[in-house]
């Protein structure tokens, strides 16, 4: 049920953030970057409360060759590479949201728990445009949010 709520929230967020039909015109309210960051924090908090999440390090102990998708050159993008980059940059935690069990499990998204230290935050946000691009998401800037979320399915 939490997954369905998260998905519904994400769809609402996408609709308000500009992924809606352009024929709607000015009738669709536009969310500010601050409102988008607040909604992302809310969705991430729901994901972290659900039973369908696992710290990336624990996931990788079970499934070390997990790929998130293919990069622009068609090469596999490994979870281990992304999680390591985020941790080295200063992320407090990298959490996998998944669906399914065991070998049939699919990664839905990564939740990055942001550090409070300004230098570490700056390092994590330096990676943000690249990760957003890989996921087809609009890059975000540091607005004091607690989390970043990258969807893969």
Foldseek 3Di string as FASTA:
>chain_A
DLVVVLVVLVVLLCQQCPVDDCVVPPPRHHDDLVRSLVSQLVSVVSLVPDPQKDFLVVVCVQVVADFLAADPVRHTHGPVVVQVQLVVLPFPTKMFGWDDDRPPIHTFKIKTFHDPDPSSNVSNLVCQVVQCVRQVHDGGDCPPHGIDMRGRD
